[in-house]
Amino acid sequence: MAGPGPATPSSGTPAPPRSTPVASTSTTAAAAASTSRRGRRGALFLFLSPFFVLFAVVIVAPVAYAGWMSLFREQSSGLGFGGVERSFTGLANYSAVLADPAFRASFLHIAAYCLAYIPVMIGGALGLALLVDSAYARAKRFFQLAFFLPHAVPGLIAAIIWIYLYTPGLSPVIDWIDAAGGSWNFFSPGNSLSSMVNIAVWQWIGYNMVIFFAALQAVPREVIEAATVDGAGAWRTALGIKVPIIRSSVVMTVLFTCVGAVQLFTEPRLLSERAQALGNDWSPTMYIVSKAFIDQDYASAAAASLLLALVAGALSFLVTRIGKRWQES
């Protein structure tokens, strides 16, 4: 007699379903993905937090404090023995600054400076970059370093050196001009602007040239070779192919140059020691420094600073929009 075999379900009874780990696997994967996302967000916040802290301390806090200071006016009472009283004036400081002819004239001076400085700077830097990038150039590394070296000199030191070269009796340049039968006064009212532009161009043209040269290195060589095969000369290749390809770098450089020009201070401040016609408020930054540290009018200086920041922001927006249209054309 055979022993009992394994129990088998009858033909009319369905077999019980087998349990599968599909649901638990998907839940585990979702939890792992969520943990991974939280870890990435945490790492991102950890690495970005120093920037936001420094940005808040160095930029946001001073701007907010300047905005608060610009809404008040400090007045001494009792011939100076009664202390200082601070009164809320609202937008009166802004109105006073905007009504000051010296403040308005400072922006006209900067506008004239930009008209002379930006074309020379951008055109010169782009021309040098195209020359160094050309197929006929030799010793490219040497010329890159030689053009960039003036930027390595601090701006204050460079301005002092140029003032020495502008001073009669000390400058060999003046001696050479006199020996050639000419005459030139770098500090005269008609020449002080060109003297200022020369200092800034000497310092920054190499820096911008390096930016343009780096952008030119990204131009596909196949495009240049195709233009050469089609019979395009060096000038046509440079102006018709290379420059349009690096338009984004040109726009960025123009933007930085405009923002830097609005904040011009070192060159006119040092030249004003010899060129008395410049005065203490030739540029907006000189006007702000004069108000704050000469007139002790910190409220007006704060208002002028915020107005200058507003003009710089508007100028940046304008340059960006024009550059965007140029890139899309």
Protein backbone atom coordinates (compact mmCIF):
# COMPACT_ATOMS: atom_id res chain seq x y z
CA MET A 1 0.00 0.00 0.00
CA ALA A 2 1.57 3.25 -1.04
CA GLY A 3 2.13 6.02 1.50
CA PRO A 4 0.37 9.31 1.30
CA GLY A 5 1.77 11.58 -1.45
CA PRO A 6 1.98 15.36 -1.50
CA ALA A 7 -1.28 17.15 -1.24
CA THR A 8 -2.52 18.48 -4.54
CA PRO A 9 -5.42 20.78 -5.02
CA SER A 10 -8.41 19.37 -6.71
CA SER A 11 -9.25 20.41 -10.20
CA GLY A 12 -12.06 22.64 -8.98
CA THR A 13 -10.02 24.55 -6.36
CA PRO A 14 -7.70 27.37 -7.63
CA ALA A 15 -4.12 27.46 -6.41
CA PRO A 16 -3.30 30.24 -3.91
CA PRO A 17 -1.44 33.23 -5.55
CA ARG A 18 2.26 33.51 -4.99
CA SER A 19 3.43 36.64 -3.18
CA THR A 20 5.79 38.89 -5.23
CA PRO A 21 8.06 41.73 -3.88
CA VAL A 22 7.11 44.24 -6.64
CA ALA A 23 5.34 46.72 -4.35
CA SER A 24 8.07 46.66 -1.72
CA THR A 25 10.78 47.08 -4.38
CA SER A 26 9.11 50.17 -5.88
CA THR A 27 8.63 51.65 -2.42
CA THR A 28 12.29 51.10 -1.58
CA ALA A 29 13.40 52.67 -4.89
CA ALA A 30 11.20 55.72 -4.32
CA ALA A 31 12.57 56.14 -0.80
CA ALA A 32 16.14 55.83 -2.07
CA ALA A 33 15.48 58.39 -4.81
CA SER A 34 13.93 60.79 -2.28
CA THR A 35 16.91 60.35 0.05
CA SER A 36 19.30 60.95 -2.86
CA ARG A 37 17.47 64.14 -3.83
CA ARG A 38 17.56 65.39 -0.25
CA GLY A 39 21.27 64.62 -0.10
CA ARG A 40 21.93 66.54 -3.31
CA ARG A 41 19.90 69.49 -2.10
CA GLY A 42 21.76 69.45 1.20
CA ALA A 43 25.14 69.35 -0.54
CA LEU A 44 24.04 72.14 -2.90
CA PHE A 45 22.93 74.31 0.00
CA LEU A 46 26.15 73.55 1.88
CA PHE A 47 28.35 74.68 -1.00
CA LEU A 48 26.24 77.72 -1.91
CA SER A 49 25.65 79.00 1.61
CA PRO A 50 29.06 80.79 1.89
CA PHE A 51 28.25 82.77 -1.25
CA PHE A 52 24.81 83.82 -0.01
CA VAL A 53 26.21 84.76 3.40
CA LEU A 54 28.96 86.90 1.86
CA PHE A 55 26.51 88.39 -0.64
CA ALA A 56 24.14 89.36 2.16
CA VAL A 57 26.92 90.84 4.30
CA VAL A 58 28.86 92.63 1.54
CA ILE A 59 26.06 93.69 -0.84
CA VAL A 60 22.57 93.45 0.63
CA ALA A 61 23.32 94.83 4.10
CA PRO A 62 25.27 97.93 2.90
CA VAL A 63 22.64 98.73 0.26
CA ALA A 64 19.85 98.39 2.82
CA TYR A 65 21.74 100.56 5.30
CA ALA A 66 22.42 103.19 2.62
CA GLY A 67 18.74 103.18 1.72
CA TRP A 68 17.77 103.70 5.36
CA MET A 69 20.38 106.43 5.83
CA SER A 70 19.25 108.28 2.71
CA LEU A 71 15.79 108.82 4.22
CA PHE A 72 17.06 110.85 7.18
CA ARG A 73 18.94 114.07 7.77
CA GLU A 74 21.32 114.69 10.64
CA GLN A 75 21.44 118.20 12.07
CA SER A 76 23.46 119.53 14.97
CA SER A 77 21.66 121.62 17.55
CA GLY A 78 22.88 124.16 20.10
CA LEU A 79 25.88 125.30 18.03
CA GLY A 80 27.17 121.76 18.09
CA PHE A 81 26.91 121.33 21.87
CA GLY A 82 23.41 119.91 21.87
CA GLY A 83 24.28 116.75 19.98
CA VAL A 84 22.98 115.60 16.65
CA GLU A 85 19.32 115.26 15.81
CA ARG A 86 18.17 112.85 13.13
CA SER A 87 14.95 113.72 11.34
CA PHE A 88 13.06 111.78 8.70
CA THR A 89 13.06 113.60 5.35
CA GLY A 90 11.77 110.92 2.98
CA LEU A 91 12.95 111.52 -0.59
CA ALA A 92 14.23 115.03 0.08
CA ASN A 93 17.86 113.90 -0.07
CA TYR A 94 17.29 112.37 -3.49
CA SER A 95 15.66 115.56 -4.73
CA ALA A 96 18.54 117.65 -3.41
CA VAL A 97 21.13 115.43 -5.08
CA LEU A 98 19.28 115.41 -8.40
CA ALA A 99 18.96 119.20 -8.24
CA ASP A 100 22.70 119.61 -7.67
CA PRO A 101 24.36 120.74 -10.95
CA ALA A 102 27.63 119.09 -9.93
CA PHE A 103 25.97 115.68 -9.65
CA ARG A 104 24.28 115.99 -13.03
CA ALA A 105 27.50 117.27 -14.63
CA SER A 106 29.41 114.25 -13.30
CA PHE A 107 27.26 111.94 -15.42
CA LEU A 108 27.87 114.12 -18.47
CA HIS A 109 31.60 113.77 -17.83
CA ILE A 110 31.25 109.99 -17.61
CA ALA A 111 29.19 109.94 -20.81
CA ALA A 112 31.97 111.80 -22.64
CA TYR A 113 34.51 109.44 -21.11
CA CYS A 114 32.56 106.38 -22.29
CA LEU A 115 32.24 107.76 -25.83
CA ALA A 116 36.01 108.08 -26.03
CA TYR A 117 37.04 105.10 -23.92
CA ILE A 118 34.76 102.21 -24.91
CA PRO A 119 35.38 102.26 -28.71
CA VAL A 120 39.15 102.53 -28.20
CA MET A 121 39.15 99.83 -25.54
CA ILE A 122 36.91 97.29 -27.29
CA GLY A 123 38.27 97.97 -30.76
CA GLY A 124 41.89 97.82 -29.60
CA ALA A 125 41.44 94.65 -27.54
CA LEU A 126 39.54 92.92 -30.34
CA GLY A 127 42.13 93.96 -32.91
CA LEU A 128 44.99 92.66 -30.79
CA ALA A 129 43.17 89.38 -30.17
CA LEU A 130 42.55 88.90 -33.89
CA LEU A 131 46.19 89.65 -34.67
CA VAL A 132 47.45 87.16 -32.09
CA ASP A 133 44.95 84.56 -33.32
CA SER A 134 45.86 84.99 -36.97
CA ALA A 135 47.72 82.26 -38.79
CA TYR A 136 50.61 84.62 -39.50
CA ALA A 137 51.27 85.47 -35.84
CA ARG A 138 54.42 84.15 -34.22
CA ALA A 139 55.32 83.86 -30.52
CA LYS A 140 51.66 84.00 -29.47
CA ARG A 141 52.39 83.13 -25.85
CA PHE A 142 54.89 85.95 -25.58
CA PHE A 143 52.49 88.56 -26.97
CA GLN A 144 49.65 87.33 -24.75
CA LEU A 145 51.84 87.81 -21.69
CA ALA A 146 53.23 91.13 -22.92
CA PHE A 147 49.76 92.58 -23.55
CA PHE A 148 48.41 91.29 -20.23
CA LEU A 149 51.29 92.52 -18.03
CA PRO A 150 50.00 96.12 -17.70
CA HIS A 151 46.84 94.76 -16.08
CA ALA A 152 48.97 93.07 -13.43
CA VAL A 153 50.07 96.52 -12.23
CA PRO A 154 47.63 97.85 -9.58
CA GLY A 155 45.47 100.67 -10.89
CA LEU A 156 46.70 103.18 -8.31
CA ILE A 157 50.35 102.46 -9.11
CA ALA A 158 49.66 102.67 -12.85
CA ALA A 159 47.95 106.05 -12.44
CA ILE A 160 50.89 107.38 -10.40
CA ILE A 161 53.33 106.20 -13.07
CA TRP A 162 51.35 107.92 -15.81
CA ILE A 163 51.09 111.15 -13.81
CA TYR A 164 54.89 111.08 -13.59
CA LEU A 165 55.01 110.65 -17.38
CA TYR A 166 52.58 113.55 -17.78
CA THR A 167 54.45 116.00 -15.52
CA PRO A 168 56.70 118.56 -17.28
CA GLY A 169 60.28 118.56 -16.05
CA LEU A 170 60.02 114.93 -14.95
CA SER A 171 58.59 113.15 -17.95
CA PRO A 172 60.85 111.91 -20.76
CA VAL A 173 57.74 111.93 -22.97
CA ILE A 174 57.39 115.69 -22.56
CA ASP A 175 61.10 116.09 -23.34
CA TRP A 176 60.70 114.06 -26.55
CA ILE A 177 57.71 116.17 -27.62
CA ASP A 178 59.62 119.37 -26.92
CA ALA A 179 62.65 118.06 -28.81
CA ALA A 180 60.43 117.36 -31.82
CA GLY A 181 59.24 120.96 -31.75
CA GLY A 182 55.79 120.19 -30.33
CA SER A 183 53.99 121.19 -27.19
CA TRP A 184 51.49 119.25 -25.12
CA ASN A 185 49.95 119.77 -21.70
CA PHE A 186 48.40 116.54 -20.44
CA PHE A 187 46.69 118.36 -17.54
CA SER A 188 44.96 121.09 -19.53
CA PRO A 189 41.13 121.11 -19.55
CA GLY A 190 41.09 120.05 -23.19
CA ASN A 191 43.54 117.18 -22.75
CA SER A 192 42.70 115.81 -19.30
CA LEU A 193 40.00 113.51 -20.69
CA SER A 194 42.34 111.92 -23.23
CA SER A 195 45.00 111.56 -20.52
CA MET A 196 42.46 109.73 -18.38
CA VAL A 197 41.38 107.47 -21.23
CA ASN A 198 45.01 106.63 -22.00
CA ILE A 199 45.62 105.42 -18.43
CA ALA A 200 42.53 103.20 -18.43
CA VAL A 201 43.18 101.78 -21.90
CA TRP A 202 46.79 100.95 -21.03
CA GLN A 203 45.66 99.04 -17.98
CA TRP A 204 42.64 97.14 -19.32
CA ILE A 205 43.25 96.51 -23.01
CA GLY A 206 45.40 93.44 -22.34
CA TYR A 207 42.82 91.98 -19.97
CA ASN A 208 40.04 92.27 -22.53
CA MET A 209 42.35 90.99 -25.25
CA VAL A 210 42.83 87.76 -23.29
CA ILE A 211 39.05 87.34 -23.02
CA PHE A 212 38.63 87.79 -26.77
CA PHE A 213 41.57 85.53 -27.58
CA ALA A 214 40.14 82.76 -25.37
CA ALA A 215 36.81 83.08 -27.19
CA LEU A 216 38.57 82.91 -30.55
CA GLN A 217 40.15 79.61 -29.57
CA ALA A 218 36.66 78.10 -29.46
CA VAL A 219 35.90 79.06 -33.06
CA PRO A 220 35.77 75.81 -35.08
CA ARG A 221 38.84 75.51 -37.24
CA GLU A 222 36.71 73.82 -39.91
CA VAL A 223 34.80 77.06 -40.40
CA ILE A 224 38.02 79.03 -40.86
CA GLU A 225 39.39 76.46 -43.29
CA ALA A 226 36.15 76.48 -45.27
CA ALA A 227 36.26 80.28 -45.53
CA THR A 228 39.87 80.11 -46.71
CA VAL A 229 38.97 77.53 -49.35
CA ASP A 230 36.12 79.77 -50.53
CA GLY A 231 38.63 82.54 -51.12
CA ALA A 232 37.97 84.72 -48.06
CA GLY A 233 40.94 86.85 -47.13
CA ALA A 234 42.28 87.51 -43.65
CA TRP A 235 40.19 90.66 -43.10
CA ARG A 236 36.98 89.08 -44.33
CA THR A 237 37.56 85.99 -42.21
CA ALA A 238 38.26 88.06 -39.13
CA LEU A 239 35.37 90.53 -39.44
CA GLY A 240 32.82 88.32 -41.20
CA ILE A 241 33.32 85.01 -39.41
CA LYS A 242 35.35 85.27 -36.21
CA VAL A 243 33.78 88.41 -34.74
CA PRO A 244 30.15 87.30 -35.27
CA ILE A 245 30.93 83.94 -33.63
CA ILE A 246 32.34 85.57 -30.48
CA ARG A 247 29.57 88.17 -30.20
CA SER A 248 28.60 86.94 -26.73
CA SER A 249 32.11 87.64 -25.43
CA VAL A 250 32.08 91.10 -27.02
CA VAL A 251 28.74 91.93 -25.38
CA MET A 252 29.96 90.70 -21.99
CA THR A 253 33.13 92.79 -22.26
CA VAL A 254 31.19 95.90 -23.28
CA LEU A 255 28.88 95.35 -20.30
CA PHE A 256 31.76 95.08 -17.82
CA THR A 257 33.50 98.07 -19.40
CA CYS A 258 30.38 100.25 -19.10
CA VAL A 259 29.81 99.30 -15.46
CA GLY A 260 33.47 99.97 -14.67
CA ALA A 261 33.39 103.31 -16.46
CA VAL A 262 30.40 104.49 -14.42
CA GLN A 263 32.38 103.78 -11.25
CA LEU A 264 35.51 105.62 -12.43
CA PHE A 265 37.42 107.13 -9.52
CA THR A 266 41.17 106.46 -9.35
CA GLU A 267 42.27 108.15 -12.58
CA PRO A 268 40.31 111.43 -12.24
CA ARG A 269 41.06 111.63 -8.52
CA LEU A 270 44.83 111.50 -9.05
CA LEU A 271 44.74 113.71 -12.13
CA SER A 272 42.75 116.32 -10.22
CA GLU A 273 45.86 117.00 -8.10
CA ARG A 274 47.51 118.49 -11.20
CA ALA A 275 44.51 119.25 -13.40
CA GLN A 276 42.66 121.68 -11.18
CA ALA A 277 39.84 121.99 -13.69
CA LEU A 278 38.64 118.49 -12.81
CA GLY A 279 37.75 119.45 -9.24
CA ASN A 280 36.62 117.08 -6.51
CA ASP A 281 33.37 115.98 -8.13
CA TRP A 282 34.29 115.21 -11.74
CA SER A 283 32.80 111.71 -11.64
CA PRO A 284 29.79 110.40 -9.65
CA THR A 285 32.05 108.41 -7.33
CA MET A 286 34.18 111.49 -6.67
CA TYR A 287 30.99 113.43 -5.91
CA ILE A 288 29.92 110.75 -3.42
CA VAL A 289 33.30 110.69 -1.69
CA SER A 290 33.34 114.49 -1.54
CA LYS A 291 29.88 114.60 0.02
CA ALA A 292 30.70 111.91 2.57
CA PHE A 293 34.24 112.76 3.66
CA ILE A 294 34.62 116.46 2.87
CA ASP A 295 31.13 117.85 3.46
CA GLN A 296 30.28 115.22 6.09
CA ASP A 297 26.88 114.87 4.42
CA TYR A 298 26.39 111.12 4.67
CA ALA A 299 22.68 111.21 3.84
CA SER A 300 23.28 112.89 0.48
CA ALA A 301 26.20 110.56 -0.19
CA ALA A 302 23.95 107.55 0.46
CA ALA A 303 21.26 108.93 -1.83
CA ALA A 304 23.81 109.63 -4.58
CA SER A 305 25.22 106.10 -4.19
CA LEU A 306 21.82 104.50 -4.70
CA LEU A 307 21.13 106.73 -7.69
CA LEU A 308 24.48 105.71 -9.17
CA ALA A 309 23.60 102.04 -8.60
CA LEU A 310 20.27 102.62 -10.34
CA VAL A 311 22.00 104.20 -13.35
CA ALA A 312 24.51 101.33 -13.51
CA GLY A 313 21.68 98.79 -13.40
CA ALA A 314 19.75 100.59 -16.14
CA LEU A 315 22.88 100.82 -18.27
CA SER A 316 23.56 97.11 -17.78
CA PHE A 317 20.01 96.28 -18.83
CA LEU A 318 20.30 98.49 -21.92
CA VAL A 319 23.62 96.99 -23.00
CA THR A 320 22.30 93.47 -22.43
CA ARG A 321 19.19 94.10 -24.52
CA ILE A 322 21.16 95.66 -27.39
CA GLY A 323 23.69 92.84 -27.23
CA LYS A 324 20.94 90.23 -27.27
CA ARG A 325 19.42 91.76 -30.39
CA TRP A 326 22.85 91.82 -32.03
CA GLN A 327 23.39 88.17 -31.22
CA GLU A 328 19.99 87.21 -32.63
CA SER A 329 20.50 89.16 -35.86
